[in-house]
C-alpha cells in the first residue's frame, strides 16, 4: 500500500476519481484544498456483517491542492 500511496502524489483530481470513484467522505479546507477519504475496510456508515471485523478500520486520505493536484496521500488505521 505504501508504494501505491507514493505513486498518487502528483496526479490530478480527475485521475484519482477515475481510479477510486467518488470519495466516501470529502472535507473542504481553507484555500480551496480538499481531502478525499476512501475507506479500505467497511466504513462507519456500513451495516456490520459477520464477515467484517468491528474493531480495525483503514482509510486512505488524499489531500488535493487548489489546482486539483494530489499533494499527499496517507493510510490511517483506527
PDB file of N, CA and C in Angstrom:
ATOM      1  N   UNK A   1       0.824  -1.190   0.000  1.00  0.00           N
ATOM      2  CA  UNK A   1       0.000   0.000   0.000  1.00  0.00           C
ATOM      3  C   UNK A   1       0.869   1.254   0.000  1.00  0.00           C
ATOM      4  N   UNK A   2       2.045   1.187   0.609  1.00  0.00           N
ATOM      5  CA  UNK A   2       2.931   2.352   0.654  1.00  0.00           C
ATOM      6  C   UNK A   2       3.412   2.734  -0.740  1.00  0.00           C
ATOM      7  N   UNK A   3       3.674   1.738  -1.587  1.00  0.00           N
ATOM      8  CA  UNK A   3       4.116   2.027  -2.955  1.00  0.00           C
ATOM      9  C   UNK A   3       3.023   2.743  -3.744  1.00  0.00           C
ATOM     10  N   UNK A   4       1.804   2.278  -3.606  1.00  0.00           N
ATOM     11  CA  UNK A   4       0.678   2.901  -4.307  1.00  0.00           C
ATOM     12  C   UNK A   4       0.465   4.316  -3.793  1.00  0.00           C
ATOM     13  N   UNK A   5       0.582   4.491  -2.496  1.00  0.00           N
ATOM     14  CA  UNK A   5       0.386   5.801  -1.876  1.00  0.00           C
ATOM     15  C   UNK A   5       1.355   6.820  -2.452  1.00  0.00           C
ATOM     16  N   UNK A   6       2.601   6.429  -2.647  1.00  0.00           N
ATOM     17  CA  UNK A   6       3.610   7.343  -3.182  1.00  0.00           C
ATOM     18  C   UNK A   6       3.370   7.647  -4.658  1.00  0.00           C
ATOM     19  N   UNK A   7       2.790   6.707  -5.397  1.00  0.00           N
ATOM     20  CA  UNK A   7       2.510   6.930  -6.815  1.00  0.00           C
ATOM     21  C   UNK A   7       1.351   7.897  -7.040  1.00  0.00           C
ATOM     22  N   UNK A   8       0.524   8.110  -6.024  1.00  0.00           N
ATOM     23  CA  UNK A   8      -0.614   9.019  -6.163  1.00  0.00           C
ATOM     24  C   UNK A   8      -0.196  10.485  -6.168  1.00  0.00           C
ATOM     25  N   UNK A   9       0.910  10.802  -5.512  1.00  0.00           N
ATOM     26  CA  UNK A   9       1.357  12.192  -5.410  1.00  0.00           C
ATOM     27  C   UNK A   9       1.658  12.728  -6.804  1.00  0.00           C
ATOM     28  N   UNK A  10       1.055  13.873  -7.124  1.00  0.00           N
ATOM     29  CA  UNK A  10       1.258  14.497  -8.421  1.00  0.00           C
ATOM     30  C   UNK A  10       0.138  14.248  -9.414  1.00  0.00           C
ATOM     31  N   UNK A  11      -0.745  13.284  -9.126  1.00  0.00           N
ATOM     32  CA  UNK A  11      -1.877  13.027 -10.024  1.00  0.00           C
ATOM     33  C   UNK A  11      -2.891  14.164  -9.940  1.00  0.00           C
ATOM     34  N   UNK A  12      -3.739  14.258 -10.942  1.00  0.00           N
ATOM     35  CA  UNK A  12      -4.813  15.246 -10.965  1.00  0.00           C
ATOM     36  C   UNK A  12      -6.064  14.667 -10.296  1.00  0.00           C
ATOM     37  N   UNK A  13      -6.964  15.554  -9.893  1.00  0.00           N
ATOM     38  CA  UNK A  13      -8.200  15.148  -9.228  1.00  0.00           C
ATOM     39  C   UNK A  13      -9.018  14.184 -10.091  1.00  0.00           C
ATOM     40  N   UNK A  14      -9.100  14.440 -11.375  1.00  0.00           N
ATOM     41  CA  UNK A  14      -9.847  13.561 -12.278  1.00  0.00           C
ATOM     42  C   UNK A  14      -9.264  12.163 -12.345  1.00  0.00           C
ATOM     43  N   UNK A  15      -7.934  12.073 -12.296  1.00  0.00           N
ATOM     44  CA  UNK A  15      -7.279  10.762 -12.314  1.00  0.00           C
ATOM     45  C   UNK A  15      -7.606   9.972 -11.053  1.00  0.00           C
ATOM     46  N   UNK A  16      -7.652  10.659  -9.914  1.00  0.00           N
ATOM     47  CA  UNK A  16      -7.975   9.997  -8.646  1.00  0.00           C
ATOM     48  C   UNK A  16      -9.406   9.476  -8.689  1.00  0.00           C
ATOM     49  N   UNK A  17     -10.319  10.279  -9.213  1.00  0.00           N
ATOM     50  CA  UNK A  17     -11.722   9.851  -9.308  1.00  0.00           C
ATOM     51  C   UNK A  17     -11.891   8.686 -10.280  1.00  0.00           C
ATOM     52  N   UNK A  18     -11.083   8.643 -11.338  1.00  0.00           N
ATOM     53  CA  UNK A  18     -11.141   7.504 -12.267  1.00  0.00           C
ATOM     54  C   UNK A  18     -10.656   6.227 -11.589  1.00  0.00           C
ATOM     55  N   UNK A  19      -9.618   6.353 -10.758  1.00  0.00           N
ATOM     56  CA  UNK A  19      -9.062   5.182 -10.075  1.00  0.00           C
ATOM     57  C   UNK A  19      -9.973   4.658  -8.974  1.00  0.00           C
ATOM     58  N   UNK A  20     -10.453   5.564  -8.112  1.00  0.00           N
ATOM     59  CA  UNK A  20     -11.163   5.156  -6.904  1.00  0.00           C
ATOM     60  C   UNK A  20     -12.659   5.462  -6.911  1.00  0.00           C
ATOM     61  N   UNK A  21     -13.126   6.264  -7.855  1.00  0.00           N
ATOM     62  CA  UNK A  21     -14.537   6.651  -7.874  1.00  0.00           C
ATOM     63  C   UNK A  21     -14.805   7.812  -6.937  1.00  0.00           C
ATOM     64  N   UNK A  22     -16.067   8.000  -6.627  1.00  0.00           N
ATOM     65  CA  UNK A  22     -16.479   9.082  -5.733  1.00  0.00           C
ATOM     66  C   UNK A  22     -15.953   8.797  -4.326  1.00  0.00           C
ATOM     67  N   UNK A  23     -15.386   9.809  -3.649  1.00  0.00           N
ATOM     68  CA  UNK A  23     -14.867   9.560  -2.302  1.00  0.00           C
ATOM     69  C   UNK A  23     -15.987   9.242  -1.314  1.00  0.00           C
ATOM     70  N   UNK A  24     -15.660   8.435  -0.306  1.00  0.00           N
ATOM     71  CA  UNK A  24     -16.633   8.113   0.736  1.00  0.00           C
ATOM     72  C   UNK A  24     -16.950   9.346   1.573  1.00  0.00           C
ATOM     73  N   UNK A  25     -15.938  10.168   1.800  1.00  0.00           N
ATOM     74  CA  UNK A  25     -16.086  11.418   2.539  1.00  0.00           C
ATOM     75  C   UNK A  25     -15.194  12.453   1.891  1.00  0.00           C
ATOM     76  N   UNK A  26     -15.667  13.691   1.872  1.00  0.00           N
ATOM     77  CA  UNK A  26     -14.879  14.785   1.306  1.00  0.00           C
ATOM     78  C   UNK A  26     -14.862  15.930   2.305  1.00  0.00           C
ATOM     79  N   UNK A  27     -13.667  16.421   2.625  1.00  0.00           N
ATOM     80  CA  UNK A  27     -13.528  17.550   3.539  1.00  0.00           C
ATOM     81  C   UNK A  27     -12.977  18.737   2.769  1.00  0.00           C
ATOM     82  N   UNK A  28     -13.580  19.896   2.971  1.00  0.00           N
ATOM     83  CA  UNK A  28     -13.087  21.117   2.357  1.00  0.00           C
ATOM     84  C   UNK A  28     -12.258  21.875   3.381  1.00  0.00           C
ATOM     85  N   UNK A  29     -11.100  22.343   2.950  1.00  0.00           N
ATOM     86  CA  UNK A  29     -10.200  23.069   3.836  1.00  0.00           C
ATOM     87  C   UNK A  29     -10.060  24.497   3.329  1.00  0.00           C
ATOM     88  N   UNK A  30      -9.321  25.312   4.071  1.00  0.00           N
ATOM     89  CA  UNK A  30      -9.095  26.687   3.636  1.00  0.00           C
ATOM     90  C   UNK A  30      -8.225  26.702   2.390  1.00  0.00           C
ATOM     91  N   UNK A  31      -8.303  27.780   1.650  1.00  0.00           N
ATOM     92  CA  UNK A  31      -7.566  27.972   0.399  1.00  0.00           C
ATOM     93  C   UNK A  31      -7.940  26.941  -0.660  1.00  0.00           C
ATOM     94  N   UNK A  32      -9.185  26.523  -0.653  1.00  0.00           N
ATOM     95  CA  UNK A  32      -9.749  25.607  -1.656  1.00  0.00           C
ATOM     96  C   UNK A  32      -9.073  24.242  -1.714  1.00  0.00           C
ATOM     97  N   UNK A  33      -8.431  23.831  -0.645  1.00  0.00           N
ATOM     98  CA  UNK A  33      -7.858  22.487  -0.600  1.00  0.00           C
ATOM     99  C   UNK A  33      -8.951  21.498  -0.206  1.00  0.00           C
ATOM    100  N   UNK A  34      -8.799  20.247  -0.625  1.00  0.00           N
ATOM    101  CA  UNK A  34      -9.769  19.194  -0.320  1.00  0.00           C
ATOM    102  C   UNK A  34      -9.043  17.971   0.211  1.00  0.00           C
ATOM    103  N   UNK A  35      -9.758  17.205   0.990  1.00  0.00           N
ATOM    104  CA  UNK A  35      -9.270  15.892   1.411  1.00  0.00           C
ATOM    105  C   UNK A  35     -10.335  14.878   1.025  1.00  0.00           C
ATOM    106  N   UNK A  36      -9.939  13.913   0.207  1.00  0.00           N
ATOM    107  CA  UNK A  36     -10.815  12.802  -0.157  1.00  0.00           C
ATOM    108  C   UNK A  36     -10.475  11.638   0.757  1.00  0.00           C
ATOM    109  N   UNK A  37     -11.493  11.008   1.319  1.00  0.00           N
ATOM    110  CA  UNK A  37     -11.284   9.848   2.184  1.00  0.00           C
ATOM    111  C   UNK A  37     -11.999   8.652   1.567  1.00  0.00           C
ATOM    112  N   UNK A  38     -11.217   7.609   1.354  1.00  0.00           N
ATOM    113  CA  UNK A  38     -11.733   6.343   0.832  1.00  0.00           C
ATOM    114  C   UNK A  38     -11.511   5.282   1.900  1.00  0.00           C
ATOM    115  N   UNK A  39     -12.585   4.615   2.335  1.00  0.00           N
ATOM    116  CA  UNK A  39     -12.452   3.567   3.337  1.00  0.00           C
ATOM    117  C   UNK A  39     -12.000   2.280   2.666  1.00  0.00           C
ATOM    118  N   UNK A  40     -10.925   1.700   3.187  1.00  0.00           N
ATOM    119  CA  UNK A  40     -10.385   0.447   2.668  1.00  0.00           C
ATOM    120  C   UNK A  40     -11.181  -0.718   3.248  1.00  0.00           C
ATOM    121  N   UNK A  41     -11.453  -0.647   4.535  1.00  0.00           N
ATOM    122  CA  UNK A  41     -12.340  -1.609   5.184  1.00  0.00           C
ATOM    123  C   UNK A  41     -13.713  -0.945   5.276  1.00  0.00           C
ATOM    124  N   UNK A  42     -14.784  -1.674   5.536  1.00  0.00           N
ATOM    125  CA  UNK A  42     -16.105  -1.043   5.616  1.00  0.00           C
ATOM    126  C   UNK A  42     -16.109   0.132   6.596  1.00  0.00           C
ATOM    127  N   UNK A  43     -16.658   1.243   6.144  1.00  0.00           N
ATOM    128  CA  UNK A  43     -16.660   2.478   6.922  1.00  0.00           C
ATOM    129  C   UNK A  43     -17.741   2.506   7.983  1.00  0.00           C
ATOM    130  N   UNK A  44     -17.834   3.634   8.695  1.00  0.00           N
ATOM    131  CA  UNK A  44     -18.794   3.749   9.800  1.00  0.00           C
ATOM    132  C   UNK A  44     -20.254   3.743   9.346  1.00  0.00           C
ATOM    133  N   UNK A  45     -20.525   4.068   8.084  1.00  0.00           N
ATOM    134  CA  UNK A  45     -21.901   4.094   7.591  1.00  0.00           C
ATOM    135  C   UNK A  45     -22.381   2.723   7.133  1.00  0.00           C
ATOM    136  N   UNK A  46     -21.469   1.769   7.003  1.00  0.00           N
ATOM    137  CA  UNK A  46     -21.840   0.421   6.560  1.00  0.00           C
ATOM    138  C   UNK A  46     -22.447  -0.358   7.715  1.00  0.00           C
ATOM    139  N   UNK A  47     -23.423  -1.177   7.405  1.00  0.00           N
ATOM    140  CA  UNK A  47     -24.014  -2.011   8.446  1.00  0.00           C
ATOM    141  C   UNK A  47     -23.069  -3.175   8.733  1.00  0.00           C
ATOM    142  N   UNK A  48     -22.906  -3.522   9.998  1.00  0.00           N
ATOM    143  CA  UNK A  48     -21.980  -4.611  10.335  1.00  0.00           C
ATOM    144  C   UNK A  48     -22.497  -5.959   9.839  1.00  0.00           C
ATOM    145  N   UNK A  49     -21.575  -6.761   9.342  1.00  0.00           N
ATOM    146  CA  UNK A  49     -21.889  -8.117   8.901  1.00  0.00           C
ATOM    147  C   UNK A  49     -20.943  -9.065   9.621  1.00  0.00           C
ATOM    148  N   UNK A  50     -21.240 -10.343   9.645  1.00  0.00           N
ATOM    149  CA  UNK A  50     -20.339 -11.289  10.320  1.00  0.00           C
ATOM    150  C   UNK A  50     -18.941 -11.328   9.711  1.00  0.00           C
ATOM    151  N   UNK A  51     -18.817 -10.987   8.435  1.00  0.00           N
ATOM    152  CA  UNK A  51     -17.510 -11.048   7.774  1.00  0.00           C
ATOM    153  C   UNK A  51     -16.619  -9.865   8.139  1.00  0.00           C
ATOM    154  N   UNK A  52     -17.197  -8.765   8.616  1.00  0.00           N
ATOM    155  CA  UNK A  52     -16.395  -7.578   8.938  1.00  0.00           C
ATOM    156  C   UNK A  52     -15.943  -7.620  10.384  1.00  0.00           C
ATOM    157  N   UNK A  53     -14.748  -7.109  10.600  1.00  0.00           N
ATOM    158  CA  UNK A  53     -14.228  -7.018  11.956  1.00  0.00           C
ATOM    159  C   UNK A  53     -14.676  -5.685  12.546  1.00  0.00           C
ATOM    160  N   UNK A  54     -15.296  -5.692  13.721  1.00  0.00           N
ATOM    161  CA  UNK A  54     -15.816  -4.449  14.270  1.00  0.00           C
ATOM    162  C   UNK A  54     -14.741  -3.472  14.740  1.00  0.00           C
ATOM    163  N   UNK A  55     -13.519  -3.920  14.952  1.00  0.00           N
ATOM    164  CA  UNK A  55     -12.511  -3.052  15.533  1.00  0.00           C
ATOM    165  C   UNK A  55     -11.689  -2.243  14.558  1.00  0.00           C
ATOM    166  N   UNK A  56     -10.958  -2.887  13.689  1.00  0.00           N
ATOM    167  CA  UNK A  56      -9.963  -2.235  12.839  1.00  0.00           C
ATOM    168  C   UNK A  56     -10.598  -1.582  11.615  1.00  0.00           C
ATOM    169  N   UNK A  57     -10.321  -0.272  11.444  1.00  0.00           N
ATOM    170  CA  UNK A  57     -10.815   0.455  10.276  1.00  0.00           C
ATOM    171  C   UNK A  57      -9.634   1.104   9.581  1.00  0.00           C
ATOM    172  N   UNK A  58      -9.558   0.947   8.269  1.00  0.00           N
ATOM    173  CA  UNK A  58      -8.489   1.550   7.481  1.00  0.00           C
ATOM    174  C   UNK A  58      -9.096   2.497   6.460  1.00  0.00           C
ATOM    175  N   UNK A  59      -8.405   3.626   6.243  1.00  0.00           N
ATOM    176  CA  UNK A  59      -8.880   4.604   5.268  1.00  0.00           C
ATOM    177  C   UNK A  59      -7.691   5.231   4.554  1.00  0.00           C
ATOM    178  N   UNK A  60      -7.907   5.592   3.300  1.00  0.00           N
ATOM    179  CA  UNK A  60      -6.916   6.301   2.502  1.00  0.00           C
ATOM    180  C   UNK A  60      -7.367   7.751   2.419  1.00  0.00           C
ATOM    181  N   UNK A  61      -6.524   8.675   2.868  1.00  0.00           N
ATOM    182  CA  UNK A  61      -6.820  10.108   2.811  1.00  0.00           C
ATOM    183  C   UNK A  61      -5.909  10.747   1.771  1.00  0.00           C
ATOM    184  N   UNK A  62      -6.510  11.433   0.813  1.00  0.00           N
ATOM    185  CA  UNK A  62      -5.766  12.074  -0.271  1.00  0.00           C
ATOM    186  C   UNK A  62      -6.016  13.571  -0.195  1.00  0.00           C
ATOM    187  N   UNK A  63      -4.946  14.360  -0.020  1.00  0.00           N
ATOM    188  CA  UNK A  63      -5.076  15.823   0.056  1.00  0.00           C
ATOM    189  C   UNK A  63      -4.784  16.426  -1.301  1.00  0.00           C
ATOM    190  N   UNK A  64      -5.716  17.253  -1.778  1.00  0.00           N
ATOM    191  CA  UNK A  64      -5.594  17.926  -3.069  1.00  0.00           C
ATOM    192  C   UNK A  64      -5.416  19.420  -2.841  1.00  0.00           C
ATOM    193  N   UNK A  65      -4.534  20.042  -3.632  1.00  0.00           N
ATOM    194  CA  UNK A  65      -4.363  21.487  -3.518  1.00  0.00           C
ATOM    195  C   UNK A  65      -5.438  22.207  -4.328  1.00  0.00           C
ATOM    196  N   UNK A  66      -5.381  23.533  -4.354  1.00  0.00           N
ATOM    197  CA  UNK A  66      -6.399  24.338  -5.032  1.00  0.00           C
ATOM    198  C   UNK A  66      -6.435  24.089  -6.538  1.00  0.00           C
ATOM    199  N   UNK A  67      -5.344  23.632  -7.119  1.00  0.00           N
ATOM    200  CA  UNK A  67      -5.290  23.363  -8.552  1.00  0.00           C
ATOM    201  C   UNK A  67      -5.727  21.945  -8.905  1.00  0.00           C
ATOM    202  N   UNK A  68      -6.065  21.139  -7.897  1.00  0.00           N
ATOM    203  CA  UNK A  68      -6.528  19.779  -8.142  1.00  0.00           C
ATOM    204  C   UNK A  68      -5.423  18.752  -8.242  1.00  0.00           C
ATOM    205  N   UNK A  69      -4.228  19.083  -7.755  1.00  0.00           N
ATOM    206  CA  UNK A  69      -3.106  18.142  -7.755  1.00  0.00           C
ATOM    207  C   UNK A  69      -3.017  17.444  -6.402  1.00  0.00           C
ATOM    208  N   UNK A  70      -2.681  16.160  -6.414  1.00  0.00           N
ATOM    209  CA  UNK A  70      -2.503  15.420  -5.164  1.00  0.00           C
ATOM    210  C   UNK A  70      -1.201  15.870  -4.518  1.00  0.00           C
ATOM    211  N   UNK A  71      -1.283  16.333  -3.286  1.00  0.00           N
ATOM    212  CA  UNK A  71      -0.102  16.777  -2.546  1.00  0.00           C
ATOM    213  C   UNK A  71       0.389  15.725  -1.561  1.00  0.00           C
ATOM    214  N   UNK A  72      -0.523  14.953  -0.998  1.00  0.00           N
ATOM    215  CA  UNK A  72      -0.111  13.864  -0.107  1.00  0.00           C
ATOM    216  C   UNK A  72      -1.214  12.818  -0.035  1.00  0.00           C
ATOM    217  N   UNK A  73      -0.810  11.611   0.285  1.00  0.00           N
ATOM    218  CA  UNK A  73      -1.746  10.501   0.451  1.00  0.00           C
ATOM    219  C   UNK A  73      -1.282   9.681   1.645  1.00  0.00           C
ATOM    220  N   UNK A  74      -2.196   9.410   2.562  1.00  0.00           N
ATOM    221  CA  UNK A  74      -1.860   8.686   3.782  1.00  0.00           C
ATOM    222  C   UNK A  74      -2.884   7.594   4.051  1.00  0.00           C
ATOM    223  N   UNK A  75      -2.414   6.512   4.655  1.00  0.00           N
ATOM    224  CA  UNK A  75      -3.295   5.436   5.091  1.00  0.00           C
ATOM    225  C   UNK A  75      -3.411   5.537   6.601  1.00  0.00           C
ATOM    226  N   UNK A  76      -4.652   5.590   7.089  1.00  0.00           N
ATOM    227  CA  UNK A  76      -4.899   5.689   8.519  1.00  0.00           C
ATOM    228  C   UNK A  76      -5.540   4.410   9.016  1.00  0.00           C
ATOM    229  N   UNK A  77      -5.077   3.939  10.162  1.00  0.00           N
ATOM    230  CA  UNK A  77      -5.657   2.764  10.806  1.00  0.00           C
ATOM    231  C   UNK A  77      -6.223   3.227  12.133  1.00  0.00           C
ATOM    232  N   UNK A  78      -7.483   2.902  12.366  1.00  0.00           N
ATOM    233  CA  UNK A  78      -8.153   3.334  13.592  1.00  0.00           C
ATOM    234  C   UNK A  78      -8.537   2.139  14.419  1.00  0.00           C
TER     235      UNK A  78
END
